[in-house]
C-alpha atoms as a PDB file:
ATOM      1  CA  MET A   1     128.724 -21.778  73.469  1.00  0.00           C
ATOM      2  CA  PRO A   2     129.593 -20.513  69.835  1.00  0.00           C
ATOM      3  CA  GLU A   3     128.850 -17.325  71.156  1.00  0.00           C
ATOM      4  CA  LEU A   4     131.493 -18.229  73.685  1.00  0.00           C
ATOM      5  CA  GLU A   5     133.769 -19.624  71.389  1.00  0.00           C
ATOM      6  CA  GLY A   6     133.267 -16.951  68.548  1.00  0.00           C
ATOM      7  CA  ILE A   7     134.250 -13.979  71.720  1.00  0.00           C
ATOM      8  CA  TYR A   8     137.189 -15.804  72.350  1.00  0.00           C
ATOM      9  CA  THR A   9     138.542 -16.270  68.774  1.00  0.00           C
ATOM     10  CA  ILE A  10     137.857 -12.825  67.861  1.00  0.00           C
ATOM     11  CA  TRP A  11     139.371 -11.714  70.999  1.00  0.00           C
ATOM     12  CA  LEU A  12     142.824 -14.194  70.467  1.00  0.00           C
ATOM     13  CA  ARG A  13     142.690 -12.527  66.791  1.00  0.00           C
ATOM     14  CA  GLU A  14     143.240  -9.348  68.212  1.00  0.00           C
ATOM     15  CA  MET A  15     145.840 -10.551  70.942  1.00  0.00           C
ATOM     16  CA  LYS A  16     147.928 -12.174  67.814  1.00  0.00           C
ATOM     17  CA  ARG A  17     147.771  -8.795  66.190  1.00  0.00           C
ATOM     18  CA  PHE A  18     148.935  -6.885  68.798  1.00  0.00           C
ATOM     19  CA  PHE A  19     152.161  -9.257  70.017  1.00  0.00           C
ATOM     20  CA  ARG A  20     152.673  -9.053  66.095  1.00  0.00           C
ATOM     21  CA  TYR A  21     153.898  -5.660  65.977  1.00  0.00           C
ATOM     22  CA  ARG A  22     156.353  -5.318  68.579  1.00  0.00           C
ATOM     23  CA  SER A  23     157.169  -2.243  68.127  1.00  0.00           C
ATOM     24  CA  ARG A  24     154.215  -0.706  68.865  1.00  0.00           C
ATOM     25  CA  ILE A  25     154.453  -2.205  72.424  1.00  0.00           C
ATOM     26  CA  VAL A  26     157.576  -0.664  72.816  1.00  0.00           C
ATOM     27  CA  THR A  27     156.380   2.815  71.430  1.00  0.00           C
ATOM     28  CA  SER A  28     153.071   2.812  74.322  1.00  0.00           C
ATOM     29  CA  VAL A  29     155.294   1.948  76.821  1.00  0.00           C
ATOM     30  CA  VAL A  30     158.376   4.697  75.993  1.00  0.00           C
ATOM     31  CA  THR A  31     155.832   7.381  75.368  1.00  0.00           C
ATOM     32  CA  PRO A  32     154.712   7.422  78.624  1.00  0.00           C
ATOM     33  CA  LEU A  33     157.826   7.439  80.460  1.00  0.00           C
ATOM     34  CA  LEU A  34     158.842  10.322  78.548  1.00  0.00           C
ATOM     35  CA  TRP A  35     155.597  12.221  79.474  1.00  0.00           C
ATOM     36  CA  LEU A  36     156.878  11.142  82.939  1.00  0.00           C
ATOM     37  CA  ILE A  37     160.378  11.618  83.080  1.00  0.00           C
ATOM     38  CA  ILE A  38     160.742  14.935  81.147  1.00  0.00           C
ATOM     39  CA  PHE A  39     157.698  16.829  81.412  1.00  0.00           C
ATOM     40  CA  GLY A  40     156.645  15.538  84.715  1.00  0.00           C
ATOM     41  CA  THR A  41     160.716  16.616  85.792  1.00  0.00           C
ATOM     42  CA  GLY A  42     160.500  19.798  83.649  1.00  0.00           C
ATOM     43  CA  LEU A  43     157.139  21.251  84.919  1.00  0.00           C
ATOM     44  CA  GLY A  44     157.412  19.951  88.383  1.00  0.00           C
ATOM     45  CA  ALA A  45     160.589  22.340  88.627  1.00  0.00           C
ATOM     46  CA  ALA A  46     158.602  25.362  87.857  1.00  0.00           C
ATOM     47  CA  VAL A  47     155.682  24.868  89.750  1.00  0.00           C
ATOM     48  CA  ARG A  48     155.542  24.328  93.510  1.00  0.00           C
ATOM     49  CA  PHE A  49     153.550  21.172  94.206  1.00  0.00           C
ATOM     50  CA  GLY A  50     153.161  19.738  97.532  1.00  0.00           C
ATOM     51  CA  GLY A  51     150.031  18.411  97.324  1.00  0.00           C
ATOM     52  CA  VAL A  52     151.600  14.535  96.955  1.00  0.00           C
ATOM     53  CA  SER A  53     154.090  12.923  98.605  1.00  0.00           C
ATOM     54  CA  GLY A  54     156.653  12.427  95.220  1.00  0.00           C
ATOM     55  CA  GLY A  55     156.017  15.784  93.644  1.00  0.00           C
ATOM     56  CA  TYR A  56     154.450  16.528  90.395  1.00  0.00           C
ATOM     57  CA  ARG A  57     155.952  12.961  88.540  1.00  0.00           C
ATOM     58  CA  ALA A  58     153.842  11.347  91.539  1.00  0.00           C
ATOM     59  CA  PHE A  59     151.097  13.136  91.404  1.00  0.00           C
ATOM     60  CA  ILE A  60     150.634  12.734  86.934  1.00  0.00           C
ATOM     61  CA  TYR A  61     151.770   9.348  87.425  1.00  0.00           C
ATOM     62  CA  PRO A  62     148.031   7.728  87.578  1.00  0.00           C
ATOM     63  CA  GLY A  63     147.377  10.094  84.676  1.00  0.00           C
ATOM     64  CA  ILE A  64     149.886   9.103  82.487  1.00  0.00           C
ATOM     65  CA  ILE A  65     148.760   5.396  82.417  1.00  0.00           C
ATOM     66  CA  GLY A  66     144.826   6.893  81.931  1.00  0.00           C
ATOM     67  CA  GLN A  67     146.580   8.645  78.427  1.00  0.00           C
ATOM     68  CA  THR A  68     147.828   5.137  77.482  1.00  0.00           C
ATOM     69  CA  ILE A  69     144.939   3.138  78.190  1.00  0.00           C
ATOM     70  CA  LEU A  70     142.800   6.359  76.077  1.00  0.00           C
ATOM     71  CA  PHE A  71     144.992   6.008  73.485  1.00  0.00           C
ATOM     72  CA  THR A  72     145.360   2.385  73.157  1.00  0.00           C
ATOM     73  CA  SER A  73     142.076   1.349  73.452  1.00  0.00           C
ATOM     74  CA  ILE A  74     140.417   4.068  71.152  1.00  0.00           C
ATOM     75  CA  PHE A  75     143.102   3.967  68.680  1.00  0.00           C
ATOM     76  CA  SER A  76     142.041   0.190  68.511  1.00  0.00           C
ATOM     77  CA  GLY A  77     138.832   0.872  66.982  1.00  0.00           C
ATOM     78  CA  VAL A  78     140.350   1.506  63.646  1.00  0.00           C
ATOM     79  CA  SER A  79     140.667  -2.309  63.086  1.00  0.00           C
ATOM     80  CA  VAL A  80     137.462  -2.443  62.781  1.00  0.00           C
ATOM     81  CA  ILE A  81     138.050  -0.217  59.613  1.00  0.00           C
ATOM     82  CA  ILE A  82     141.100  -2.271  58.362  1.00  0.00           C
ATOM     83  CA  ASP A  83     138.921  -5.649  58.536  1.00  0.00           C
ATOM     84  CA  ARG A  84     136.023  -3.978  56.560  1.00  0.00           C
ATOM     85  CA  GLN A  85     138.487  -2.551  53.909  1.00  0.00           C
ATOM     86  CA  TYR A  86     140.256  -6.165  53.731  1.00  0.00           C
ATOM     87  CA  GLY A  87     136.885  -7.946  53.452  1.00  0.00           C
ATOM     88  CA  PHE A  88     137.660 -10.089  56.558  1.00  0.00           C
ATOM     89  CA  LEU A  89     134.857  -8.240  58.588  1.00  0.00           C
ATOM     90  CA  LYS A  90     132.446  -9.952  56.035  1.00  0.00           C
ATOM     91  CA  GLU A  91     133.790 -13.217  56.758  1.00  0.00           C
ATOM     92  CA  ILE A  92     132.963 -12.739  60.390  1.00  0.00           C
ATOM     93  CA  LEU A  93     129.838 -11.963  59.496  1.00  0.00           C
ATOM     94  CA  VAL A  94     128.198 -14.628  57.949  1.00  0.00           C
ATOM     95  CA  ALA A  95     129.297 -16.638  60.954  1.00  0.00           C
ATOM     96  CA  PRO A  96     126.977 -18.191  62.946  1.00  0.00           C
ATOM     97  CA  VAL A  97     128.265 -15.692  65.877  1.00  0.00           C
ATOM     98  CA  SER A  98     125.728 -12.256  66.606  1.00  0.00           C
ATOM     99  CA  ARG A  99     127.352  -9.348  66.229  1.00  0.00           C
ATOM    100  CA  GLN A 100     127.242  -8.388  69.995  1.00  0.00           C
ATOM    101  CA  ALA A 101     129.397 -11.181  70.343  1.00  0.00           C
ATOM    102  CA  ILE A 102     131.951  -9.708  67.759  1.00  0.00           C
ATOM    103  CA  VAL A 103     132.153  -6.482  69.069  1.00  0.00           C
ATOM    104  CA  ILE A 104     132.526  -7.763  73.000  1.00  0.00           C
ATOM    105  CA  GLY A 105     135.137 -10.090  71.334  1.00  0.00           C
ATOM    106  CA  LYS A 106     136.834  -6.788  69.739  1.00  0.00           C
ATOM    107  CA  ALA A 107     136.283  -4.771  73.178  1.00  0.00           C
ATOM    108  CA  LEU A 108     137.826  -7.472  75.363  1.00  0.00           C
ATOM    109  CA  GLY A 109     140.711  -7.590  72.949  1.00  0.00           C
ATOM    110  CA  ILE A 110     141.326  -3.926  72.963  1.00  0.00           C
ATOM    111  CA  SER A 111     140.954  -3.743  76.932  1.00  0.00           C
ATOM    112  CA  THR A 112     143.115  -6.680  77.044  1.00  0.00           C
ATOM    113  CA  ALA A 113     146.219  -5.214  75.206  1.00  0.00           C
ATOM    114  CA  SER A 114     145.569  -1.743  77.006  1.00  0.00           C
ATOM    115  CA  MET A 115     145.468  -3.431  80.222  1.00  0.00           C
ATOM    116  CA  ILE A 116     149.344  -4.997  79.124  1.00  0.00           C
ATOM    117  CA  GLN A 117     150.640  -1.560  78.800  1.00  0.00           C
ATOM    118  CA  ALA A 118     149.108  -0.835  82.089  1.00  0.00           C
ATOM    119  CA  ALA A 119     150.519  -3.304  83.926  1.00  0.00           C
ATOM    120  CA  ILE A 120     154.070  -2.569  82.471  1.00  0.00           C
ATOM    121  CA  LEU A 121     153.498   1.087  83.572  1.00  0.00           C
ATOM    122  CA  LEU A 122     152.343  -0.197  86.976  1.00  0.00           C
ATOM    123  CA  LEU A 123     155.576  -2.609  87.394  1.00  0.00           C
ATOM    124  CA  LEU A 124     157.747   0.692  86.448  1.00  0.00           C
ATOM    125  CA  SER A 125     156.239   2.665  89.581  1.00  0.00           C
ATOM    126  CA  PHE A 126     159.225   2.643  91.204  1.00  0.00           C
ATOM    127  CA  ILE A 127     160.574   5.514  88.507  1.00  0.00           C
ATOM    128  CA  VAL A 128     158.263   7.905  90.132  1.00  0.00           C
ATOM    129  CA  GLY A 129     159.421   6.837  93.783  1.00  0.00           C
ATOM    130  CA  VAL A 130     155.804   5.071  93.937  1.00  0.00           C
ATOM    131  CA  THR A 131     155.593   1.512  95.617  1.00  0.00           C
ATOM    132  CA  MET A 132     153.434  -0.736  94.277  1.00  0.00           C
ATOM    133  CA  SER A 133     151.742  -3.505  96.863  1.00  0.00           C
ATOM    134  CA  PRO A 134     150.223  -6.550  94.941  1.00  0.00           C
ATOM    135  CA  ALA A 135     146.899  -5.360  96.314  1.00  0.00           C
ATOM    136  CA  CYS A 136     147.181  -1.505  94.969  1.00  0.00           C
ATOM    137  CA  PHE A 137     148.329  -3.631  91.351  1.00  0.00           C
ATOM    138  CA  ALA A 138     145.182  -5.820  91.330  1.00  0.00           C
ATOM    139  CA  VAL A 139     142.807  -3.275  91.849  1.00  0.00           C
ATOM    140  CA  SER A 140     144.375  -1.071  89.405  1.00  0.00           C
ATOM    141  CA  MET A 141     144.200  -3.339  86.842  1.00  0.00           C
ATOM    142  CA  VAL A 142     140.606  -4.447  87.273  1.00  0.00           C
ATOM    143  CA  ILE A 143     140.059  -0.275  86.981  1.00  0.00           C
ATOM    144  CA  ALA A 144     142.055  -0.319  83.826  1.00  0.00           C
ATOM    145  CA  LEU A 145     139.967  -2.819  82.536  1.00  0.00           C
ATOM    146  CA  ILE A 146     136.524  -1.256  83.354  1.00  0.00           C
ATOM    147  CA  ILE A 147     137.587   1.776  81.507  1.00  0.00           C
ATOM    148  CA  SER A 148     139.276   0.520  79.009  1.00  0.00           C
ATOM    149  CA  MET A 149     136.331  -1.272  77.828  1.00  0.00           C
ATOM    150  CA  GLY A 150     134.541   1.731  77.705  1.00  0.00           C
ATOM    151  CA  LEU A 151     137.149   3.665  75.852  1.00  0.00           C
ATOM    152  CA  GLY A 152     136.952   0.668  73.219  1.00  0.00           C
ATOM    153  CA  GLY A 153     133.711   0.125  72.847  1.00  0.00           C
ATOM    154  CA  LEU A 154     133.560   4.541  72.302  1.00  0.00           C
ATOM    155  CA  GLY A 155     136.686   3.751  69.691  1.00  0.00           C
ATOM    156  CA  LEU A 156     134.022   1.132  68.282  1.00  0.00           C
ATOM    157  CA  VAL A 157     130.818   3.593  67.789  1.00  0.00           C
ATOM    158  CA  ILE A 158     132.926   5.897  65.988  1.00  0.00           C
ATOM    159  CA  ALA A 159     134.503   3.227  63.489  1.00  0.00           C
ATOM    160  CA  ALA A 160     130.341   2.115  62.868  1.00  0.00           C
ATOM    161  CA  PHE A 161     130.199   5.933  61.434  1.00  0.00           C
ATOM    162  CA  THR A 162     133.298   6.291  59.818  1.00  0.00           C
ATOM    163  CA  ASP A 163     134.517   4.181  56.162  1.00  0.00           C
ATOM    164  CA  SER A 164     138.548   5.876  56.357  1.00  0.00           C
ATOM    165  CA  MET A 165     141.000   5.231  58.303  1.00  0.00           C
ATOM    166  CA  GLU A 166     141.700   9.147  57.235  1.00  0.00           C
ATOM    167  CA  GLY A 167     138.481  10.160  58.787  1.00  0.00           C
ATOM    168  CA  PHE A 168     138.977   7.849  61.513  1.00  0.00           C
ATOM    169  CA  ASN A 169     142.317  10.042  62.591  1.00  0.00           C
ATOM    170  CA  LEU A 170     140.426  13.262  62.050  1.00  0.00           C
ATOM    171  CA  ILE A 171     137.542  12.411  64.087  1.00  0.00           C
ATOM    172  CA  MET A 172     139.665  11.394  67.294  1.00  0.00           C
ATOM    173  CA  SER A 173     142.323  14.025  67.110  1.00  0.00           C
ATOM    174  CA  PHE A 174     139.327  15.859  68.217  1.00  0.00           C
ATOM    175  CA  ILE A 175     138.273  13.532  70.818  1.00  0.00           C
ATOM    176  CA  VAL A 176     141.459  11.979  72.564  1.00  0.00           C
ATOM    177  CA  LEU A 177     142.881  15.697  73.374  1.00  0.00           C
ATOM    178  CA  PRO A 178     140.137  17.266  75.069  1.00  0.00           C
ATOM    179  CA  ILE A 179     139.616  13.632  76.609  1.00  0.00           C
ATOM    180  CA  PHE A 180     142.732  13.261  78.245  1.00  0.00           C
ATOM    181  CA  LEU A 181     143.619  17.076  79.021  1.00  0.00           C
ATOM    182  CA  LEU A 182     140.415  17.584  80.569  1.00  0.00           C
ATOM    183  CA  SER A 183     140.676  14.397  82.969  1.00  0.00           C
ATOM    184  CA  GLY A 184     143.074  15.997  85.666  1.00  0.00           C
ATOM    185  CA  ALA A 185     145.640  13.860  84.772  1.00  0.00           C
ATOM    186  CA  LEU A 186     148.032  16.628  84.328  1.00  0.00           C
ATOM    187  CA  PHE A 187     146.660  18.866  87.066  1.00  0.00           C
ATOM    188  CA  PRO A 188     143.931  18.842  89.882  1.00  0.00           C
ATOM    189  CA  ILE A 189     140.862  19.197  89.192  1.00  0.00           C
ATOM    190  CA  THR A 190     139.779  20.924  92.157  1.00  0.00           C
ATOM    191  CA  GLY A 191     139.271  24.918  92.117  1.00  0.00           C
ATOM    192  CA  LEU A 192     138.869  25.196  88.136  1.00  0.00           C
ATOM    193  CA  PRO A 193     136.379  27.738  87.086  1.00  0.00           C
ATOM    194  CA  ALA A 194     132.300  26.563  86.899  1.00  0.00           C
ATOM    195  CA  TRP A 195     132.151  25.971  83.314  1.00  0.00           C
ATOM    196  CA  LEU A 196     135.586  23.826  82.798  1.00  0.00           C
ATOM    197  CA  GLN A 197     135.103  22.286  86.021  1.00  0.00           C
ATOM    198  CA  GLY A 198     131.524  20.973  84.072  1.00  0.00           C
ATOM    199  CA  ALA A 199     133.758  19.356  81.106  1.00  0.00           C
ATOM    200  CA  VAL A 200     135.850  17.909  83.470  1.00  0.00           C
ATOM    201  CA  TYR A 201     133.202  16.106  85.344  1.00  0.00           C
ATOM    202  CA  ILE A 202     131.056  14.771  82.084  1.00  0.00           C
ATOM    203  CA  ASN A 203     134.234  13.050  80.518  1.00  0.00           C
ATOM    204  CA  PRO A 204     134.860   9.744  82.062  1.00  0.00           C
ATOM    205  CA  LEU A 205     138.347   9.312  81.825  1.00  0.00           C
ATOM    206  CA  THR A 206     138.507  11.704  85.088  1.00  0.00           C
ATOM    207  CA  TYR A 207     136.706   9.037  87.606  1.00  0.00           C
ATOM    208  CA  ALA A 208     139.140   6.641  85.857  1.00  0.00           C
ATOM    209  CA  VAL A 209     142.008   8.827  86.499  1.00  0.00           C
ATOM    210  CA  ASP A 210     140.736  10.132  89.722  1.00  0.00           C
ATOM    211  CA  ALA A 211     140.272   5.818  90.695  1.00  0.00           C
ATOM    212  CA  LEU A 212     143.656   5.340  90.167  1.00  0.00           C
ATOM    213  CA  ARG A 213     145.025   7.970  91.900  1.00  0.00           C
ATOM    214  CA  PHE A 214     143.272   7.145  94.988  1.00  0.00           C
ATOM    215  CA  THR A 215     144.339   3.558  94.426  1.00  0.00           C
ATOM    216  CA  ILE A 216     147.965   4.018  94.155  1.00  0.00           C
ATOM    217  CA  LEU A 217     148.482   7.002  95.591  1.00  0.00           C
ATOM    218  CA  ARG A 218     146.059   7.371  97.762  1.00  0.00           C
ATOM    219  CA  GLU A 219     144.610  10.778  97.103  1.00  0.00           C
ATOM    220  CA  SER A 220     141.058  11.925  95.675  1.00  0.00           C
ATOM    221  CA  VAL A 221     138.433  14.069  95.027  1.00  0.00           C
ATOM    222  CA  LEU A 222     135.604  11.812  94.757  1.00  0.00           C
ATOM    223  CA  PRO A 223     134.672   8.557  96.604  1.00  0.00           C
ATOM    224  CA  LEU A 224     136.164   5.622  95.008  1.00  0.00           C
ATOM    225  CA  GLY A 225     132.693   3.713  94.937  1.00  0.00           C
ATOM    226  CA  LEU A 226     131.350   6.799  92.685  1.00  0.00           C
ATOM    227  CA  ASN A 227     134.292   6.630  90.489  1.00  0.00           C
ATOM    228  CA  LEU A 228     133.825   3.007  89.781  1.00  0.00           C
ATOM    229  CA  ALA A 229     130.274   2.787  89.655  1.00  0.00           C
ATOM    230  CA  VAL A 230     130.560   5.992  86.674  1.00  0.00           C
ATOM    231  CA  ILE A 231     133.343   3.986  84.593  1.00  0.00           C
ATOM    232  CA  THR A 232     131.296   0.716  85.156  1.00  0.00           C
ATOM    233  CA  PHE A 233     128.052   2.532  83.519  1.00  0.00           C
ATOM    234  CA  PHE A 234     130.151   3.820  81.128  1.00  0.00           C
ATOM    235  CA  ALA A 235     131.688   1.087  79.998  1.00  0.00           C
ATOM    236  CA  VAL A 236     128.173  -0.785  79.555  1.00  0.00           C
ATOM    237  CA  VAL A 237     126.399   2.215  77.386  1.00  0.00           C
ATOM    238  CA  SER A 238     129.582   2.130  75.362  1.00  0.00           C
ATOM    239  CA  VAL A 239     129.846  -1.075  74.457  1.00  0.00           C
ATOM    240  CA  SER A 240     126.120  -1.608  74.153  1.00  0.00           C
ATOM    241  CA  ALA A 241     125.946   1.572  71.782  1.00  0.00           C
ATOM    242  CA  ALA A 242     128.843  -0.065  69.871  1.00  0.00           C
ATOM    243  CA  ALA A 243     127.040  -3.556  69.353  1.00  0.00           C
ATOM    244  CA  PHE A 244     123.655  -1.332  68.413  1.00  0.00           C
ATOM    245  CA  LEU A 245     125.101   0.360  65.756  1.00  0.00           C
ATOM    246  CA  PHE A 246     127.951  -2.043  64.329  1.00  0.00           C
ATOM    247  CA  SER A 247     124.994  -4.496  64.067  1.00  0.00           C
ATOM    248  CA  ARG A 248     122.795  -1.510  61.922  1.00  0.00           C
ATOM    249  CA  LYS A 249     125.744  -0.174  60.300  1.00  0.00           C
ATOM    250  CA  GLU A 250     127.333  -3.340  58.952  1.00  0.00           C
ATOM    251  CA  GLN A 251     123.526  -5.143  58.092  1.00  0.00           C
ATOM    252  CA  ASN A 252     122.991  -2.407  55.950  1.00  0.00           C
ATOM    253  CA  LEU A 253     125.998  -3.151  54.280  1.00  0.00           C
ATOM    254  CA  MET A 254     125.700  -7.139  53.585  1.00  0.00           C
END
């Protein structure tokens, strides 16, 4: 019970922090919509894209949802650095709660924030001419939960090695953009050069975007079961690695 209470308390704190900054919620929704409307319409008019009903905007719609989850999940890892700098981290480290529970609580808080933003975008599917059924919405939210846990764990892993927000943001700039661009969010992943296709298939976000594309558009390259298996494995590994590294790093600082 103390472990569950600790996880809940840390999750609740992350949620209060998320809703306190309402501008962050607005920005995280407006930016993807700009990608869909401006980038999707502009590039969609410049290239012929007949592979998906609804055109290019419908094709990138699942990818933009994946982008939102990616940015929110990984950049939320900066909260660990803020907590460390202001001393809050030391306070929770002396509490009778394991390091694993702390990491799980933070990862759940990060994933919940990502899911809220993904849910808003899913409810706005009519903008790109996509019909969102309750079953489609439910499955998409499950996919969002799994990949956001994995990406949130990745953000916590990076935060465990970084002591400043400047260093964290610098590392993120070299990780987030390649993950997004190599996920198949903006272009089909079939027919690519061998070296580029290899980079695409080692990217965990590729499998999440492909799973979302199958769920929303009934179009995918890989089987849904394989996509779910890969992102679930990634989530377990990244959260476990974050708990291990976080425990070692913070124990040395105590």
